[in-house]
C-alpha atoms as a PDB file:
ATOM      1  CA  UNK A   1     -95.178-157.597  35.354  1.00  0.00           C
ATOM      2  CA  UNK A   2     -97.694-155.216  36.927  1.00  0.00           C
ATOM      3  CA  UNK A   3    -100.070-153.260  34.712  1.00  0.00           C
ATOM      4  CA  UNK A   4    -102.221-150.236  35.427  1.00  0.00           C
ATOM      5  CA  UNK A   5    -105.559-148.960  34.206  1.00  0.00           C
ATOM      6  CA  UNK A   6    -105.729-145.202  34.756  1.00  0.00           C
ATOM      7  CA  UNK A   7    -109.048-143.539  34.035  1.00  0.00           C
ATOM      8  CA  UNK A   8    -109.629-139.799  33.934  1.00  0.00           C
ATOM      9  CA  UNK A   9    -113.086-138.440  34.734  1.00  0.00           C
ATOM     10  CA  UNK A  10    -114.901-135.299  35.779  1.00  0.00           C
ATOM     11  CA  UNK A  11    -117.670-134.905  38.307  1.00  0.00           C
ATOM     12  CA  UNK A  12    -120.139-132.110  38.985  1.00  0.00           C
ATOM     13  CA  UNK A  13    -119.913-133.029  42.693  1.00  0.00           C
ATOM     14  CA  UNK A  14    -116.780-134.914  43.755  1.00  0.00           C
ATOM     15  CA  UNK A  15    -118.113-135.496  47.283  1.00  0.00           C
ATOM     16  CA  UNK A  16    -121.184-137.228  45.859  1.00  0.00           C
ATOM     17  CA  UNK A  17    -118.950-139.209  43.499  1.00  0.00           C
ATOM     18  CA  UNK A  18    -116.912-140.470  46.461  1.00  0.00           C
ATOM     19  CA  UNK A  19    -120.093-141.537  48.287  1.00  0.00           C
ATOM     20  CA  UNK A  20    -121.178-143.413  45.152  1.00  0.00           C
ATOM     21  CA  UNK A  21    -117.716-144.966  44.842  1.00  0.00           C
ATOM     22  CA  UNK A  22    -117.889-146.124  48.465  1.00  0.00           C
ATOM     23  CA  UNK A  23    -121.204-147.824  47.660  1.00  0.00           C
ATOM     24  CA  UNK A  24    -119.335-149.810  44.965  1.00  0.00           C
ATOM     25  CA  UNK A  25    -116.601-151.017  47.341  1.00  0.00           C
ATOM     26  CA  UNK A  26    -117.936-154.585  47.603  1.00  0.00           C
ATOM     27  CA  UNK A  27    -118.335-154.857  43.815  1.00  0.00           C
ATOM     28  CA  UNK A  28    -114.837-153.524  43.174  1.00  0.00           C
ATOM     29  CA  UNK A  29    -113.322-155.916  45.709  1.00  0.00           C
ATOM     30  CA  UNK A  30    -114.087-158.595  43.102  1.00  0.00           C
ATOM     31  CA  UNK A  31    -112.086-156.786  40.385  1.00  0.00           C
ATOM     32  CA  UNK A  32    -108.883-158.698  41.082  1.00  0.00           C
ATOM     33  CA  UNK A  33    -106.841-155.527  41.442  1.00  0.00           C
ATOM     34  CA  UNK A  34    -103.897-155.202  43.778  1.00  0.00           C
ATOM     35  CA  UNK A  35    -105.329-151.777  44.586  1.00  0.00           C
ATOM     36  CA  UNK A  36    -107.747-149.219  43.215  1.00  0.00           C
ATOM     37  CA  UNK A  37    -107.193-145.604  44.224  1.00  0.00           C
ATOM     38  CA  UNK A  38    -109.401-142.666  43.359  1.00  0.00           C
ATOM     39  CA  UNK A  39    -107.524-139.395  43.208  1.00  0.00           C
ATOM     40  CA  UNK A  40    -109.306-136.041  43.532  1.00  0.00           C
ATOM     41  CA  UNK A  41    -107.367-133.588  41.359  1.00  0.00           C
ATOM     42  CA  UNK A  42    -109.555-130.643  42.337  1.00  0.00           C
ATOM     43  CA  UNK A  43    -111.936-128.583  40.212  1.00  0.00           C
ATOM     44  CA  UNK A  44    -114.145-131.629  39.562  1.00  0.00           C
ATOM     45  CA  UNK A  45    -111.362-133.690  37.957  1.00  0.00           C
ATOM     46  CA  UNK A  46    -110.322-137.112  39.131  1.00  0.00           C
ATOM     47  CA  UNK A  47    -108.373-140.249  38.321  1.00  0.00           C
ATOM     48  CA  UNK A  48    -108.963-143.884  39.078  1.00  0.00           C
ATOM     49  CA  UNK A  49    -105.660-145.748  39.341  1.00  0.00           C
ATOM     50  CA  UNK A  50    -105.977-149.536  39.383  1.00  0.00           C
ATOM     51  CA  UNK A  51    -102.952-151.839  39.627  1.00  0.00           C
ATOM     52  CA  UNK A  52    -103.168-155.458  38.495  1.00  0.00           C
ATOM     53  CA  UNK A  53    -100.668-158.289  38.669  1.00  0.00           C
ATOM     54  CA  UNK A  54    -100.834-158.892  34.929  1.00  0.00           C
ATOM     55  CA  UNK A  55    -102.727-157.993  31.784  1.00  0.00           C
ATOM     56  CA  UNK A  56    -105.014-161.025  32.029  1.00  0.00           C
ATOM     57  CA  UNK A  57    -106.280-159.878  35.446  1.00  0.00           C
ATOM     58  CA  UNK A  58    -106.794-156.350  34.132  1.00  0.00           C
ATOM     59  CA  UNK A  59    -108.653-157.605  31.057  1.00  0.00           C
ATOM     60  CA  UNK A  60    -110.849-159.848  33.210  1.00  0.00           C
ATOM     61  CA  UNK A  61    -111.963-156.822  35.237  1.00  0.00           C
ATOM     62  CA  UNK A  62    -112.865-154.618  32.259  1.00  0.00           C
ATOM     63  CA  UNK A  63    -116.581-155.429  32.360  1.00  0.00           C
ATOM     64  CA  UNK A  64    -116.785-154.716  36.070  1.00  0.00           C
ATOM     65  CA  UNK A  65    -114.951-151.406  35.621  1.00  0.00           C
ATOM     66  CA  UNK A  66    -117.349-150.351  32.850  1.00  0.00           C
ATOM     67  CA  UNK A  67    -120.383-151.376  34.897  1.00  0.00           C
ATOM     68  CA  UNK A  68    -119.109-149.452  37.926  1.00  0.00           C
ATOM     69  CA  UNK A  69    -118.560-146.290  35.899  1.00  0.00           C
ATOM     70  CA  UNK A  70    -121.981-146.833  34.338  1.00  0.00           C
ATOM     71  CA  UNK A  71    -123.627-146.862  37.764  1.00  0.00           C
ATOM     72  CA  UNK A  72    -121.886-143.623  38.675  1.00  0.00           C
ATOM     73  CA  UNK A  73    -122.930-141.999  35.392  1.00  0.00           C
ATOM     74  CA  UNK A  74    -126.535-143.118  35.960  1.00  0.00           C
ATOM     75  CA  UNK A  75    -126.389-141.620  39.454  1.00  0.00           C
ATOM     76  CA  UNK A  76    -125.325-138.322  37.880  1.00  0.00           C
ATOM     77  CA  UNK A  77    -122.062-138.089  39.834  1.00  0.00           C
ATOM     78  CA  UNK A  78    -119.687-138.601  36.880  1.00  0.00           C
ATOM     79  CA  UNK A  79    -119.868-137.055  33.418  1.00  0.00           C
ATOM     80  CA  UNK A  80    -119.934-140.056  31.078  1.00  0.00           C
ATOM     81  CA  UNK A  81    -118.368-138.110  28.201  1.00  0.00           C
ATOM     82  CA  UNK A  82    -115.349-137.325  30.370  1.00  0.00           C
ATOM     83  CA  UNK A  83    -114.298-140.939  31.049  1.00  0.00           C
ATOM     84  CA  UNK A  84    -110.919-141.602  29.418  1.00  0.00           C
ATOM     85  CA  UNK A  85    -109.320-144.960  30.286  1.00  0.00           C
ATOM     86  CA  UNK A  86    -105.697-145.751  29.539  1.00  0.00           C
ATOM     87  CA  UNK A  87    -103.565-148.733  30.427  1.00  0.00           C
ATOM     88  CA  UNK A  88     -99.908-149.630  30.459  1.00  0.00           C
ATOM     89  CA  UNK A  89     -97.295-151.824  32.030  1.00  0.00           C
ATOM     90  CA  UNK A  90     -94.594-150.875  34.470  1.00  0.00           C
ATOM     91  CA  UNK A  91     -91.458-149.713  32.693  1.00  0.00           C
ATOM     92  CA  UNK A  92     -89.367-149.092  35.817  1.00  0.00           C
ATOM     93  CA  UNK A  93     -89.960-149.010  39.567  1.00  0.00           C
ATOM     94  CA  UNK A  94     -88.071-147.329  42.365  1.00  0.00           C
END
């Protein structure tokens, strides 16, 4: 059953964060996710929504996800204290 990792974050400059995220595209292609979407919620808030085929695939990508966020924090485009990951499995689909 599909599982999701959803990570909240804030950015002082969302445009710069998206440029930095684009620079990570090749790295994130190796994450094993079905998809990874970044959602701009406005006012400097965002979400990363990553869907995986199963928990093992999600767990295997955890180090890459942390490293990617770390690069964005180092670049100053994401507030490291704001990163709040959550995960869960699909309960129902329509």
